[in-house]
Amino acid sequence: GGAVTLLICGLVLLLMPELTLVTIANVIGIFVIVIGAFFLVSYFMRKELAAGNNDLIKGLVIVFVGIFICVKSELVVSILPVVLGIGVVLSGILKLQHAFDLKRMGFGTWIRIAITAAINVFIGLIVILNPFSTAAWLMRLVGIAFIFSGVTDLCTHILRDRPCDNDLCITKSI
């Protein structure tokens, strides 16, 4: 799910950098509102009561965040590249932890994942630091970062699900 979303968003940003950041922020805001609405509908459609169900609060908060994103899109746009870059860096850091877990379990494939994780972090830092002067180049860079992150997420997922019959295996049977 997340890897495919990253790939699609990356391709859109790479192929159509002329999209304004405000448009992107509004689309994100609407998407967030829809997610919040699902929580609200889930809460009100539930027939049995359950203690600790916080779908109502989650839904309300998420809807309000989406509305804020749409209403204050200029503010969101000013911080969007940094937020997106942080997301790419965090994705790389999570892959790096996965690589170190593999190393501790004795798998030789950890180095490949560690290298892709380091590249992921590097690309994310470039996005955060924004050394480019035009929005189009920044959007292309974010698109490339999303594509790279999505591809490495897919590869990690595929390798993780392989049976443990050789050194390419990511998980060990206990």
N, C-alpha and C. Protein backbone atom coordinates (compact mmCIF):
# COMPACT_ATOMS: atom_id res chain seq x y z
N GLY A 1 0.80 -1.19 0.00
CA GLY A 1 0.00 0.00 0.00
C GLY A 1 0.85 1.25 0.00
N GLY A 2 1.69 1.43 1.01
CA GLY A 2 2.49 2.64 1.13
C GLY A 2 3.53 2.77 0.03
N ALA A 3 4.15 1.65 -0.34
CA ALA A 3 5.17 1.67 -1.39
C ALA A 3 4.54 2.06 -2.72
N VAL A 4 3.38 1.52 -3.03
CA VAL A 4 2.71 1.84 -4.29
C VAL A 4 2.29 3.31 -4.29
N THR A 5 1.80 3.81 -3.16
CA THR A 5 1.44 5.23 -3.06
C THR A 5 2.65 6.11 -3.30
N LEU A 6 3.79 5.75 -2.70
CA LEU A 6 5.02 6.51 -2.93
C LEU A 6 5.40 6.50 -4.41
N LEU A 7 5.29 5.34 -5.05
CA LEU A 7 5.63 5.24 -6.47
C LEU A 7 4.72 6.13 -7.32
N ILE A 8 3.43 6.09 -7.06
CA ILE A 8 2.48 6.89 -7.84
C ILE A 8 2.73 8.38 -7.62
N CYS A 9 2.87 8.78 -6.36
CA CYS A 9 3.14 10.20 -6.07
C CYS A 9 4.46 10.63 -6.68
N GLY A 10 5.46 9.77 -6.60
CA GLY A 10 6.77 10.09 -7.19
C GLY A 10 6.69 10.28 -8.69
N LEU A 11 5.96 9.41 -9.37
CA LEU A 11 5.81 9.54 -10.82
C LEU A 11 5.07 10.81 -11.20
N VAL A 12 4.02 11.16 -10.45
CA VAL A 12 3.28 12.39 -10.73
C VAL A 12 4.19 13.60 -10.56
N LEU A 13 4.95 13.63 -9.47
CA LEU A 13 5.84 14.78 -9.23
C LEU A 13 6.97 14.84 -10.24
N LEU A 14 7.47 13.69 -10.66
CA LEU A 14 8.56 13.67 -11.63
C LEU A 14 8.08 14.07 -13.02
N LEU A 15 6.93 13.57 -13.42
CA LEU A 15 6.44 13.80 -14.78
C LEU A 15 5.64 15.10 -14.92
N MET A 16 5.08 15.60 -13.82
CA MET A 16 4.27 16.82 -13.90
C MET A 16 4.69 17.82 -12.81
N PRO A 17 5.93 18.30 -12.86
CA PRO A 17 6.40 19.20 -11.80
C PRO A 17 5.71 20.57 -11.83
N GLU A 18 5.00 20.85 -12.92
CA GLU A 18 4.32 22.14 -13.01
C GLU A 18 3.12 22.23 -12.08
N LEU A 19 2.70 21.08 -11.51
CA LEU A 19 1.64 21.13 -10.51
C LEU A 19 2.11 22.04 -9.37
N THR A 20 1.27 22.94 -8.97
CA THR A 20 1.68 23.83 -7.89
C THR A 20 1.62 23.11 -6.56
N LEU A 21 2.43 23.57 -5.66
CA LEU A 21 2.43 22.99 -4.32
C LEU A 21 1.09 23.20 -3.64
N VAL A 22 0.41 24.31 -3.96
CA VAL A 22 -0.90 24.57 -3.37
C VAL A 22 -1.89 23.49 -3.81
N THR A 23 -1.84 23.12 -5.08
CA THR A 23 -2.72 22.06 -5.58
C THR A 23 -2.42 20.75 -4.85
N ILE A 24 -1.16 20.44 -4.71
CA ILE A 24 -0.77 19.22 -4.00
C ILE A 24 -1.25 19.27 -2.56
N ALA A 25 -1.09 20.42 -1.90
CA ALA A 25 -1.55 20.55 -0.52
C ALA A 25 -3.06 20.36 -0.43
N ASN A 26 -3.80 20.92 -1.37
CA ASN A 26 -5.26 20.76 -1.35
C ASN A 26 -5.66 19.30 -1.57
N VAL A 27 -4.98 18.61 -2.47
CA VAL A 27 -5.27 17.19 -2.70
C VAL A 27 -4.97 16.39 -1.43
N ILE A 28 -3.85 16.69 -0.79
CA ILE A 28 -3.51 16.00 0.46
C ILE A 28 -4.57 16.30 1.52
N GLY A 29 -4.99 17.56 1.61
CA GLY A 29 -6.02 17.94 2.58
C GLY A 29 -7.32 17.18 2.36
N ILE A 30 -7.74 17.08 1.11
CA ILE A 30 -8.97 16.34 0.80
C ILE A 30 -8.80 14.86 1.14
N PHE A 31 -7.65 14.30 0.82
CA PHE A 31 -7.37 12.90 1.14
C PHE A 31 -7.45 12.68 2.65
N VAL A 32 -6.88 13.60 3.42
CA VAL A 32 -6.90 13.49 4.89
C VAL A 32 -8.33 13.58 5.40
N ILE A 33 -9.13 14.48 4.83
CA ILE A 33 -10.54 14.61 5.22
C ILE A 33 -11.28 13.29 4.97
N VAL A 34 -11.02 12.67 3.83
CA VAL A 34 -11.68 11.39 3.50
C VAL A 34 -11.29 10.32 4.52
N ILE A 35 -10.03 10.26 4.89
CA ILE A 35 -9.59 9.28 5.89
C ILE A 35 -10.31 9.53 7.21
N GLY A 36 -10.39 10.80 7.63
CA GLY A 36 -11.11 11.13 8.85
C GLY A 36 -12.58 10.74 8.77
N ALA A 37 -13.18 10.96 7.60
CA ALA A 37 -14.59 10.61 7.41
C ALA A 37 -14.80 9.10 7.56
N PHE A 38 -13.85 8.30 7.09
CA PHE A 38 -13.97 6.84 7.26
C PHE A 38 -14.00 6.47 8.75
N PHE A 39 -13.16 7.12 9.56
CA PHE A 39 -13.18 6.85 11.00
C PHE A 39 -14.53 7.23 11.60
N LEU A 40 -15.06 8.39 11.18
CA LEU A 40 -16.35 8.83 11.70
C LEU A 40 -17.47 7.88 11.30
N VAL A 41 -17.50 7.49 10.05
CA VAL A 41 -18.52 6.55 9.58
C VAL A 41 -18.39 5.23 10.33
N SER A 42 -17.16 4.77 10.51
CA SER A 42 -16.92 3.53 11.23
C SER A 42 -17.48 3.62 12.65
N TYR A 43 -17.26 4.75 13.29
CA TYR A 43 -17.74 4.93 14.65
C TYR A 43 -19.27 4.87 14.71
N PHE A 44 -19.92 5.60 13.82
CA PHE A 44 -21.38 5.69 13.87
C PHE A 44 -22.07 4.45 13.31
N MET A 45 -21.39 3.66 12.49
CA MET A 45 -21.99 2.45 11.92
C MET A 45 -21.82 1.24 12.84
N ARG A 46 -20.95 1.35 13.82
CA ARG A 46 -20.68 0.23 14.72
C ARG A 46 -21.93 -0.06 15.55
N LYS A 47 -22.35 -1.31 15.55
CA LYS A 47 -23.56 -1.70 16.26
C LYS A 47 -23.29 -1.96 17.74
N GLU A 48 -22.18 -2.63 18.05
CA GLU A 48 -21.89 -2.94 19.45
C GLU A 48 -20.95 -1.87 20.01
N LEU A 49 -21.15 -1.55 21.25
CA LEU A 49 -20.31 -0.56 21.92
C LEU A 49 -19.06 -1.25 22.44
N ALA A 50 -17.96 -0.54 22.37
CA ALA A 50 -16.71 -1.09 22.88
C ALA A 50 -15.97 0.00 23.64
N ALA A 51 -15.56 -0.32 24.86
CA ALA A 51 -14.78 0.64 25.64
C ALA A 51 -13.43 0.83 24.96
N GLY A 52 -12.97 2.05 24.95
CA GLY A 52 -11.67 2.33 24.36
C GLY A 52 -11.69 2.59 22.88
N ASN A 53 -12.85 2.54 22.24
CA ASN A 53 -12.93 2.85 20.82
C ASN A 53 -12.82 4.35 20.66
N ASN A 54 -11.79 4.80 19.99
CA ASN A 54 -11.59 6.24 19.83
C ASN A 54 -11.72 6.68 18.37
N ASP A 55 -12.50 5.95 17.56
CA ASP A 55 -12.69 6.32 16.16
C ASP A 55 -13.34 7.69 16.01
N LEU A 56 -14.23 8.07 16.94
CA LEU A 56 -14.88 9.38 16.87
C LEU A 56 -13.84 10.49 17.00
N ILE A 57 -13.01 10.41 18.01
CA ILE A 57 -11.99 11.44 18.24
C ILE A 57 -10.97 11.43 17.10
N LYS A 58 -10.50 10.23 16.73
CA LYS A 58 -9.56 10.15 15.61
C LYS A 58 -10.15 10.78 14.36
N GLY A 59 -11.38 10.43 14.05
CA GLY A 59 -12.04 10.96 12.86
C GLY A 59 -12.16 12.46 12.88
N LEU A 60 -12.60 13.01 14.03
CA LEU A 60 -12.74 14.47 14.14
C LEU A 60 -11.40 15.18 13.99
N VAL A 61 -10.38 14.68 14.67
CA VAL A 61 -9.06 15.30 14.59
C VAL A 61 -8.52 15.24 13.15
N ILE A 62 -8.65 14.09 12.52
CA ILE A 62 -8.13 13.93 11.16
C ILE A 62 -8.89 14.83 10.18
N VAL A 63 -10.22 14.93 10.33
CA VAL A 63 -11.00 15.82 9.46
C VAL A 63 -10.56 17.27 9.66
N PHE A 64 -10.37 17.69 10.91
CA PHE A 64 -9.94 19.06 11.17
C PHE A 64 -8.54 19.33 10.61
N VAL A 65 -7.65 18.35 10.70
CA VAL A 65 -6.32 18.51 10.10
C VAL A 65 -6.45 18.68 8.59
N GLY A 66 -7.30 17.89 7.94
CA GLY A 66 -7.52 18.02 6.50
C GLY A 66 -8.09 19.37 6.12
N ILE A 67 -9.05 19.86 6.91
CA ILE A 67 -9.62 21.19 6.65
C ILE A 67 -8.54 22.25 6.82
N PHE A 68 -7.73 22.13 7.86
CA PHE A 68 -6.64 23.08 8.07
C PHE A 68 -5.69 23.09 6.87
N ILE A 69 -5.34 21.92 6.38
CA ILE A 69 -4.44 21.83 5.23
C ILE A 69 -5.05 22.56 4.03
N CYS A 70 -6.35 22.39 3.79
CA CYS A 70 -7.00 23.05 2.65
C CYS A 70 -7.11 24.56 2.85
N VAL A 71 -7.47 25.00 4.06
CA VAL A 71 -7.68 26.43 4.31
C VAL A 71 -6.35 27.18 4.39
N LYS A 72 -5.36 26.57 4.97
CA LYS A 72 -4.05 27.22 5.14
C LYS A 72 -3.01 26.59 4.20
N SER A 73 -3.41 26.37 2.95
CA SER A 73 -2.52 25.67 2.02
C SER A 73 -1.20 26.40 1.79
N GLU A 74 -1.20 27.75 1.86
CA GLU A 74 0.07 28.47 1.67
C GLU A 74 1.05 28.15 2.79
N LEU A 75 0.54 28.06 4.04
CA LEU A 75 1.40 27.68 5.16
C LEU A 75 1.91 26.25 4.99
N VAL A 76 1.00 25.38 4.60
CA VAL A 76 1.37 23.98 4.39
C VAL A 76 2.42 23.89 3.29
N VAL A 77 2.24 24.67 2.22
CA VAL A 77 3.19 24.66 1.11
C VAL A 77 4.57 25.10 1.56
N SER A 78 4.62 26.05 2.48
CA SER A 78 5.93 26.54 2.93
C SER A 78 6.71 25.48 3.70
N ILE A 79 5.98 24.53 4.33
CA ILE A 79 6.68 23.49 5.09
C ILE A 79 6.63 22.13 4.42
N LEU A 80 5.87 22.01 3.33
CA LEU A 80 5.68 20.70 2.68
C LEU A 80 6.99 20.04 2.25
N PRO A 81 7.90 20.76 1.57
CA PRO A 81 9.14 20.07 1.18
C PRO A 81 9.91 19.50 2.37
N VAL A 82 9.93 20.23 3.47
CA VAL A 82 10.64 19.75 4.66
C VAL A 82 9.94 18.51 5.21
N VAL A 83 8.61 18.56 5.29
CA VAL A 83 7.85 17.42 5.80
C VAL A 83 8.05 16.19 4.91
N LEU A 84 7.98 16.39 3.60
CA LEU A 84 8.20 15.28 2.67
C LEU A 84 9.61 14.72 2.81
N GLY A 85 10.58 15.61 2.93
CA GLY A 85 11.97 15.17 3.11
C GLY A 85 12.15 14.39 4.39
N ILE A 86 11.50 14.84 5.46
CA ILE A 86 11.57 14.12 6.73
C ILE A 86 10.97 12.72 6.57
N GLY A 87 9.87 12.62 5.83
CA GLY A 87 9.27 11.31 5.58
C GLY A 87 10.22 10.37 4.87
N VAL A 88 10.95 10.88 3.87
CA VAL A 88 11.90 10.06 3.14
C VAL A 88 13.07 9.66 4.05
N VAL A 89 13.55 10.59 4.87
CA VAL A 89 14.63 10.28 5.82
C VAL A 89 14.17 9.21 6.80
N LEU A 90 12.97 9.36 7.35
CA LEU A 90 12.47 8.35 8.30
C LEU A 90 12.33 6.99 7.65
N SER A 91 11.88 6.95 6.40
CA SER A 91 11.79 5.69 5.68
C SER A 91 13.18 5.04 5.57
N GLY A 92 14.18 5.84 5.27
CA GLY A 92 15.55 5.34 5.18
C GLY A 92 16.07 4.84 6.52
N ILE A 93 15.75 5.57 7.59
CA ILE A 93 16.19 5.17 8.92
C ILE A 93 15.55 3.84 9.32
N LEU A 94 14.27 3.67 9.00
CA LEU A 94 13.60 2.39 9.29
C LEU A 94 14.24 1.25 8.51
N LYS A 95 14.61 1.50 7.25
CA LYS A 95 15.30 0.47 6.46
C LYS A 95 16.67 0.17 7.05
N LEU A 96 17.34 1.20 7.56
CA LEU A 96 18.65 1.00 8.17
C LEU A 96 18.53 0.12 9.42
N GLN A 97 17.52 0.36 10.24
CA GLN A 97 17.29 -0.50 11.40
C GLN A 97 17.05 -1.93 10.95
N HIS A 98 16.25 -2.10 9.89
CA HIS A 98 15.98 -3.43 9.36
C HIS A 98 17.29 -4.11 8.93
N ALA A 99 18.16 -3.34 8.28
CA ALA A 99 19.45 -3.89 7.84
C ALA A 99 20.28 -4.34 9.04
N PHE A 100 20.32 -3.54 10.10
CA PHE A 100 21.10 -3.92 11.28
C PHE A 100 20.49 -5.13 11.99
N ASP A 101 19.16 -5.24 11.97
CA ASP A 101 18.52 -6.44 12.51
C ASP A 101 18.94 -7.67 11.72
N LEU A 102 19.01 -7.53 10.39
CA LEU A 102 19.45 -8.64 9.55
C LEU A 102 20.89 -9.02 9.86
N LYS A 103 21.73 -8.02 10.07
CA LYS A 103 23.13 -8.30 10.39
C LYS A 103 23.23 -9.07 11.70
N ARG A 104 22.46 -8.65 12.71
CA ARG A 104 22.47 -9.34 14.00
C ARG A 104 21.96 -10.76 13.89
N MET A 105 21.08 -11.03 12.89
CA MET A 105 20.55 -12.37 12.70
C MET A 105 21.49 -13.21 11.81
N GLY A 106 22.55 -12.59 11.29
CA GLY A 106 23.53 -13.33 10.53
C GLY A 106 23.30 -13.43 9.03
N PHE A 107 22.48 -12.57 8.49
CA PHE A 107 22.21 -12.61 7.05
C PHE A 107 23.14 -11.67 6.30
N GLY A 108 23.70 -12.19 5.19
CA GLY A 108 24.62 -11.39 4.38
C GLY A 108 23.96 -10.31 3.56
N THR A 109 22.65 -10.37 3.40
CA THR A 109 21.95 -9.39 2.56
C THR A 109 21.77 -8.04 3.26
N TRP A 110 22.15 -7.94 4.52
CA TRP A 110 21.95 -6.71 5.27
C TRP A 110 22.65 -5.54 4.61
N ILE A 111 23.79 -5.78 4.01
CA ILE A 111 24.58 -4.68 3.44
C ILE A 111 23.84 -4.01 2.28
N ARG A 112 23.15 -4.80 1.47
CA ARG A 112 22.40 -4.21 0.34
C ARG A 112 21.28 -3.30 0.85
N ILE A 113 20.60 -3.76 1.86
CA ILE A 113 19.52 -2.93 2.42
C ILE A 113 20.10 -1.71 3.11
N ALA A 114 21.24 -1.86 3.77
CA ALA A 114 21.88 -0.72 4.44
C ALA A 114 22.31 0.34 3.42
N ILE A 115 22.82 -0.10 2.28
CA ILE A 115 23.23 0.85 1.23
C ILE A 115 22.02 1.61 0.69
N THR A 116 20.94 0.89 0.39
CA THR A 116 19.74 1.58 -0.11
C THR A 116 19.17 2.50 0.96
N ALA A 117 19.25 2.11 2.22
CA ALA A 117 18.76 2.95 3.31
C ALA A 117 19.58 4.23 3.41
N ALA A 118 20.90 4.10 3.28
CA ALA A 118 21.77 5.28 3.34
C ALA A 118 21.48 6.23 2.18
N ILE A 119 21.25 5.69 1.00
CA ILE A 119 20.90 6.52 -0.15
C ILE A 119 19.56 7.21 0.10
N ASN A 120 18.63 6.47 0.67
CA ASN A 120 17.31 7.01 1.02
C ASN A 120 17.46 8.22 1.96
N VAL A 121 18.26 8.06 3.00
CA VAL A 121 18.48 9.14 3.96
C VAL A 121 19.15 10.33 3.27
N PHE A 122 20.12 10.07 2.43
CA PHE A 122 20.84 11.13 1.72
C PHE A 122 19.88 11.93 0.83
N ILE A 123 19.05 11.23 0.06
CA ILE A 123 18.09 11.92 -0.81
C ILE A 123 17.11 12.74 0.02
N GLY A 124 16.65 12.17 1.11
CA GLY A 124 15.73 12.91 1.99
C GLY A 124 16.36 14.17 2.55
N LEU A 125 17.64 14.09 2.92
CA LEU A 125 18.33 15.28 3.43
C LEU A 125 18.48 16.35 2.35
N ILE A 126 18.72 15.93 1.12
CA ILE A 126 18.79 16.90 0.01
C ILE A 126 17.45 17.61 -0.13
N VAL A 127 16.36 16.85 -0.05
CA VAL A 127 15.03 17.46 -0.15
C VAL A 127 14.82 18.45 0.99
N ILE A 128 15.21 18.09 2.20
CA ILE A 128 15.03 18.98 3.36
C ILE A 128 15.85 20.26 3.20
N LEU A 129 17.07 20.13 2.75
CA LEU A 129 17.94 21.29 2.63
C LEU A 129 17.59 22.17 1.43
N ASN A 130 16.87 21.64 0.43
CA ASN A 130 16.37 22.38 -0.72
C ASN A 130 17.43 23.27 -1.39
N PRO A 131 18.47 22.67 -1.94
CA PRO A 131 19.49 23.49 -2.57
C PRO A 131 19.10 23.99 -3.96
N PHE A 132 17.95 23.62 -4.47
CA PHE A 132 17.57 23.98 -5.83
C PHE A 132 16.72 25.25 -5.81
N SER A 133 16.85 26.03 -6.86
CA SER A 133 16.18 27.34 -6.89
C SER A 133 14.78 27.29 -7.47
N THR A 134 14.44 26.28 -8.22
CA THR A 134 13.10 26.28 -8.84
C THR A 134 12.23 25.20 -8.22
N ALA A 135 10.96 25.50 -8.16
CA ALA A 135 10.00 24.55 -7.59
C ALA A 135 9.91 23.29 -8.44
N ALA A 136 10.05 23.44 -9.76
CA ALA A 136 9.96 22.28 -10.64
C ALA A 136 11.07 21.28 -10.33
N TRP A 137 12.29 21.76 -10.13
CA TRP A 137 13.38 20.84 -9.80
C TRP A 137 13.17 20.21 -8.44
N LEU A 138 12.65 21.00 -7.50
CA LEU A 138 12.38 20.44 -6.19
C LEU A 138 11.33 19.34 -6.29
N MET A 139 10.28 19.59 -7.07
CA MET A 139 9.23 18.58 -7.22
C MET A 139 9.78 17.33 -7.90
N ARG A 140 10.65 17.50 -8.89
CA ARG A 140 11.27 16.33 -9.54
C ARG A 140 12.11 15.55 -8.53
N LEU A 141 12.87 16.27 -7.71
CA LEU A 141 13.71 15.61 -6.71
C LEU A 141 12.85 14.85 -5.70
N VAL A 142 11.76 15.48 -5.24
CA VAL A 142 10.85 14.80 -4.32
C VAL A 142 10.26 13.57 -5.01
N GLY A 143 9.91 13.71 -6.29
CA GLY A 143 9.39 12.57 -7.05
C GLY A 143 10.39 11.43 -7.12
N ILE A 144 11.64 11.76 -7.43
CA ILE A 144 12.70 10.73 -7.48
C ILE A 144 12.87 10.08 -6.11
N ALA A 145 12.84 10.90 -5.06
CA ALA A 145 12.98 10.36 -3.70
C ALA A 145 11.82 9.41 -3.37
N PHE A 146 10.60 9.79 -3.75
CA PHE A 146 9.45 8.93 -3.50
C PHE A 146 9.55 7.63 -4.29
N ILE A 147 9.95 7.73 -5.55
CA ILE A 147 10.09 6.53 -6.38
C ILE A 147 11.14 5.60 -5.78
N PHE A 148 12.28 6.16 -5.42
CA PHE A 148 13.35 5.35 -4.83
C PHE A 148 12.87 4.70 -3.53
N SER A 149 12.22 5.48 -2.68
CA SER A 149 11.73 4.95 -1.42
C SER A 149 10.68 3.86 -1.65
N GLY A 150 9.78 4.07 -2.60
CA GLY A 150 8.76 3.07 -2.91
C GLY A 150 9.36 1.79 -3.45
N VAL A 151 10.34 1.91 -4.35
CA VAL A 151 10.99 0.72 -4.92
C VAL A 151 11.74 -0.04 -3.84
N THR A 152 12.47 0.68 -2.98
CA THR A 152 13.21 -0.03 -1.93
C THR A 152 12.26 -0.64 -0.91
N ASP A 153 11.11 0.02 -0.64
CA ASP A 153 10.11 -0.58 0.24
C ASP A 153 9.57 -1.88 -0.35
N LEU A 154 9.27 -1.86 -1.66
CA LEU A 154 8.78 -3.07 -2.33
C LEU A 154 9.82 -4.18 -2.31
N CYS A 155 11.08 -3.84 -2.59
CA CYS A 155 12.15 -4.85 -2.59
C CYS A 155 12.33 -5.44 -1.19
N THR A 156 12.30 -4.60 -0.18
CA THR A 156 12.43 -5.08 1.20
C THR A 156 11.28 -6.01 1.54
N HIS A 157 10.07 -5.62 1.13
CA HIS A 157 8.89 -6.45 1.40
C HIS A 157 8.98 -7.79 0.68
N ILE A 158 9.39 -7.77 -0.56
CA ILE A 158 9.50 -9.01 -1.34
C ILE A 158 10.56 -9.93 -0.74
N LEU A 159 11.72 -9.37 -0.38
CA LEU A 159 12.78 -10.18 0.20
C LEU A 159 12.38 -10.72 1.57
N ARG A 160 11.62 -9.94 2.32
CA ARG A 160 11.20 -10.36 3.66
C ARG A 160 10.30 -11.58 3.59
N ASP A 161 9.49 -11.68 2.54
CA ASP A 161 8.53 -12.77 2.44
C ASP A 161 9.09 -14.03 1.78
N ARG A 162 10.36 -14.05 1.45
CA ARG A 162 10.94 -15.24 0.82
C ARG A 162 11.15 -16.33 1.86
N PRO A 163 11.03 -17.58 1.44
CA PRO A 163 11.31 -18.68 2.38
C PRO A 163 12.79 -18.71 2.74
N CYS A 164 13.09 -19.24 3.88
CA CYS A 164 14.47 -19.24 4.40
C CYS A 164 15.25 -20.44 3.87
N ASP A 165 15.56 -20.43 2.57
CA ASP A 165 16.31 -21.54 2.02
C ASP A 165 17.72 -21.15 1.59
N ASN A 166 18.05 -19.87 1.69
CA ASN A 166 19.40 -19.45 1.32
C ASN A 166 19.71 -18.11 1.98
N ASP A 167 20.86 -17.53 1.64
CA ASP A 167 21.33 -16.30 2.26
C ASP A 167 20.52 -15.09 1.80
N LEU A 168 19.67 -15.22 0.78
CA LEU A 168 18.84 -14.10 0.36
C LEU A 168 17.64 -13.90 1.27
N CYS A 169 17.43 -14.83 2.16
CA CYS A 169 16.30 -14.77 3.08
C CYS A 169 16.49 -13.62 4.08
N ILE A 170 15.40 -12.95 4.38
CA ILE A 170 15.46 -11.83 5.31
C ILE A 170 15.10 -12.25 6.73
N THR A 171 14.15 -13.13 6.88
CA THR A 171 13.72 -13.54 8.22
C THR A 171 14.20 -14.96 8.49
N LYS A 172 14.49 -15.23 9.74
CA LYS A 172 14.95 -16.55 10.14
C LYS A 172 13.83 -17.27 10.88
N SER A 173 13.68 -18.55 10.60
CA SER A 173 12.71 -19.34 11.36
C SER A 173 13.24 -19.58 12.74
N ILE A 174 12.33 -19.52 13.69
CA ILE A 174 12.75 -19.73 15.10
C ILE A 174 12.23 -21.07 15.56
